[in-house]
Structures are given as C-alpha cells and as structure tokens.
Amino acid sequence: MKQFEFISNQSEETMDFSKRLAGFLKPGDVIALEGDLGAGKTTFTKGLALGLKIKRNVNSPTFTIIKEYQGRLPLYHMDVYRVEDSFEDLGFDEYFEGEGVTVVEWAHLIEEQLPQEILTVSLYLCENGARKIVLKPNGKRYEELCKEFLL
C-alpha cells in the first residue's frame, strides 16, 4: 500500500492541508485518525470542518465519543480512546455508511468495526515542533482521492 507524506511546520498549515482535503471528500468517506497526544488530530479535524463549511467550533469528543456537525456534508467526529470493548456495538456502522464524513480518532482501538476501505491519516511529532502527516489509502476510492488531492 502506497503512502503519502506532508510536513506541516505550524498548526495553520495542518488546518490548511485538511481543509483542502475536505474538498475531495464524499458521503460515506471514513478517515482513521492516528497520532500521539498533542500531535494535532483535533487541529486536523478542525481544518476538515472548515473545508466542509461547518460553522460550529470543533473540539475533541473525548467524553461523548461522537459529535455531529452540519455543513456541506455532515461531519461525524469520533474519539474512541475510552471505548473499553472493541466489540461493543455502538452503532458505528450507521455512521460509516451514512451521508457524511466520519473521522475516527484512535481508530486502531475499533479496527474490527472499521470498513475495509478507509483513509488512515497519521500525525507524528517531529523534533523541531513540526508535524509529519502520513496518508495511507486502503482501497481504490482512497488511492484515487490521494492522487487527485496531492497533484
């Protein structure tokens, strides 16, 4: 599986990157968002929200698991860090197959419930304070999306 990398030197660049990515997203798209605490997962999601024309402030759904926002497409923002049983049926598939874009922070914790085709976005802290953003498409839809987006 091919992967694509981008270096962001400040949070505004991360938001601009994900805002632009939002323009390529369609209903039913699912993004698995991975990265250490403080790596910029919520900043990335805020940029997606801006790109989806969402007016509300986006913040981490750490204690509610799922937050929904309305824009050009609905945005379903999940944080599954506190989900104790990866096999617990919380109705995630209804979001994955819905009319919006789903972003799942700490997605590896519910890997068994994720769709087979997915775009994994990993954010890594670099020594100089920059962030490395790695896009890993899984499936033809996301391979094409990455090619179009990164041209």
Protein backbone atom coordinates (compact mmCIF):
# COMPACT_ATOMS: atom_id res chain seq x y z
CA MET A 1 0.00 0.00 0.00
CA LYS A 2 1.40 3.34 -1.04
CA GLN A 3 1.55 6.21 1.43
CA PHE A 4 1.88 9.95 1.03
CA GLU A 5 3.67 12.32 3.41
CA PHE A 6 3.43 16.02 4.14
CA ILE A 7 5.38 18.12 6.66
CA SER A 8 3.45 20.83 8.50
CA ASN A 9 5.54 23.44 10.29
CA GLN A 10 2.64 25.04 12.18
CA SER A 11 -0.97 24.32 13.13
CA GLU A 12 -2.27 26.66 10.41
CA GLU A 13 -0.54 24.52 7.77
CA THR A 14 -2.14 21.40 9.23
CA MET A 15 -5.55 23.05 9.11
CA ASP A 16 -5.00 24.31 5.54
CA PHE A 17 -3.93 20.79 4.48
CA SER A 18 -7.05 19.15 5.92
CA LYS A 19 -9.32 21.99 4.76
CA ARG A 20 -8.16 21.34 1.20
CA LEU A 21 -8.59 17.57 1.68
CA ALA A 22 -12.23 18.17 2.69
CA GLY A 23 -12.94 19.39 -0.84
CA PHE A 24 -12.29 15.86 -2.13
CA LEU A 25 -14.46 14.04 0.41
CA LYS A 26 -17.79 12.40 -0.40
CA PRO A 27 -20.66 10.95 1.65
CA GLY A 28 -19.62 7.71 3.34
CA ASP A 29 -15.90 8.55 3.46
CA VAL A 30 -14.15 7.35 6.60
CA ILE A 31 -10.87 8.70 7.95
CA ALA A 32 -8.97 6.82 10.64
CA LEU A 33 -7.01 9.46 12.54
CA GLU A 34 -3.97 8.28 14.48
CA GLY A 35 -1.21 10.04 16.38
CA ASP A 36 0.22 10.71 19.79
CA LEU A 37 -1.45 13.05 22.26
CA GLY A 38 -0.78 16.58 21.10
CA ALA A 39 0.16 15.55 17.56
CA GLY A 40 -2.66 17.59 16.01
CA LYS A 41 -5.59 15.23 15.50
CA THR A 42 -8.17 17.78 16.62
CA THR A 43 -6.43 20.55 14.65
CA PHE A 44 -6.62 18.32 11.56
CA THR A 45 -10.34 17.73 12.18
CA LYS A 46 -10.95 21.48 12.63
CA GLY A 47 -9.47 22.02 9.17
CA LEU A 48 -11.74 19.35 7.70
CA ALA A 49 -14.71 21.09 9.31
CA LEU A 50 -13.72 24.42 7.78
CA GLY A 51 -13.44 22.73 4.39
CA LEU A 52 -16.90 21.23 4.86
CA LYS A 53 -18.30 24.71 5.62
CA ILE A 54 -19.12 23.87 9.24
CA LYS A 55 -19.71 26.99 11.32
CA ARG A 56 -19.61 25.46 14.83
CA ASN A 57 -16.40 25.18 16.81
CA VAL A 58 -14.99 21.67 16.61
CA ASN A 59 -13.39 20.14 19.67
CA SER A 60 -12.45 16.66 20.75
CA PRO A 61 -15.37 14.39 21.65
CA THR A 62 -13.25 12.67 24.31
CA PHE A 63 -16.06 12.17 26.81
CA THR A 64 -19.03 11.89 24.43
CA ILE A 65 -17.44 9.53 21.87
CA ILE A 66 -19.29 11.08 18.89
CA LYS A 67 -20.02 14.67 17.93
CA GLU A 68 -22.01 15.60 14.83
CA TYR A 69 -21.61 18.80 12.83
CA GLN A 70 -23.63 20.03 9.85
CA GLY A 71 -22.04 21.60 6.79
CA ARG A 72 -21.70 20.85 3.06
CA LEU A 73 -21.63 17.25 4.32
CA PRO A 74 -22.28 16.15 7.88
CA LEU A 75 -19.11 15.50 9.88
CA TYR A 76 -19.18 12.68 12.43
CA HIS A 77 -16.21 13.17 14.75
CA MET A 78 -15.47 10.16 16.96
CA ASP A 79 -12.92 9.69 19.69
CA VAL A 80 -12.86 6.01 20.65
CA TYR A 81 -9.96 6.25 23.10
CA ARG A 82 -12.27 5.47 26.03
CA VAL A 83 -14.23 2.66 24.35
CA GLU A 84 -13.47 -0.27 26.62
CA ASP A 85 -14.62 -3.16 24.45
CA SER A 86 -13.72 -3.03 20.77
CA PHE A 87 -16.54 -5.47 20.03
CA GLU A 88 -19.22 -3.45 21.81
CA ASP A 89 -21.92 -2.48 19.32
CA LEU A 90 -22.18 1.30 19.50
CA GLY A 91 -23.72 1.67 16.04
CA PHE A 92 -20.55 2.93 14.34
CA ASP A 93 -21.53 1.25 11.07
CA GLU A 94 -24.55 3.58 10.79
CA TYR A 95 -22.12 6.49 10.65
CA PHE A 96 -19.65 4.74 8.34
CA GLU A 97 -22.42 4.05 5.85
CA GLY A 98 -24.18 7.39 6.36
CA GLU A 99 -24.46 10.58 4.35
CA GLY A 100 -21.50 12.29 5.98
CA VAL A 101 -17.78 12.06 6.52
CA THR A 102 -16.61 10.13 9.57
CA VAL A 103 -13.35 10.90 11.37
CA VAL A 104 -12.30 8.33 13.98
CA GLU A 105 -9.56 9.31 16.43
CA TRP A 106 -7.65 6.32 17.87
CA ALA A 107 -9.28 4.17 15.16
CA HIS A 108 -6.96 1.21 15.79
CA LEU A 109 -8.93 0.55 19.00
CA ILE A 110 -12.02 -0.45 16.99
CA GLU A 111 -10.19 -1.85 13.97
CA GLU A 112 -12.58 -4.83 13.72
CA GLN A 113 -15.53 -2.48 13.24
CA LEU A 114 -13.97 -0.21 10.61
CA PRO A 115 -14.84 -0.50 6.92
CA GLN A 116 -12.29 -2.34 4.78
CA GLU A 117 -11.80 0.71 2.57
CA ILE A 118 -10.56 3.61 4.64
CA LEU A 119 -8.12 6.50 4.60
CA THR A 120 -5.71 6.39 7.53
CA VAL A 121 -4.15 9.72 8.47
CA SER A 122 -1.31 9.53 11.00
CA LEU A 123 0.24 12.59 12.60
CA TYR A 124 3.73 12.42 14.09
CA LEU A 125 5.56 14.97 16.21
CA CYS A 126 8.94 15.94 14.76
CA GLU A 127 11.94 17.17 16.75
CA ASN A 128 11.63 20.76 15.54
CA GLY A 129 7.96 21.10 16.51
CA ALA A 130 6.74 20.29 13.01
CA ARG A 131 4.25 17.52 12.27
CA LYS A 132 4.58 14.78 9.70
CA ILE A 133 1.20 13.88 8.19
CA VAL A 134 1.05 10.46 6.55
CA LEU A 135 -1.88 9.45 4.36
CA LYS A 136 -2.36 5.69 3.86
CA PRO A 137 -5.17 4.86 1.45
CA ASN A 138 -6.78 1.44 1.73
CA GLY A 139 -8.96 0.78 -1.28
CA LYS A 140 -9.37 2.19 -4.77
CA ARG A 141 -11.57 5.10 -3.65
CA TYR A 142 -8.90 6.42 -1.28
CA GLU A 143 -6.00 5.72 -3.64
CA GLU A 144 -7.74 7.89 -6.26
CA LEU A 145 -8.59 10.53 -3.66
CA CYS A 146 -4.92 10.79 -2.60
CA LYS A 147 -3.70 11.02 -6.19
CA GLU A 148 -6.20 13.80 -7.01
CA PHE A 149 -5.60 15.65 -3.75
CA LEU A 150 -1.81 15.56 -3.94
CA LEU A 151 -1.41 16.52 -7.61
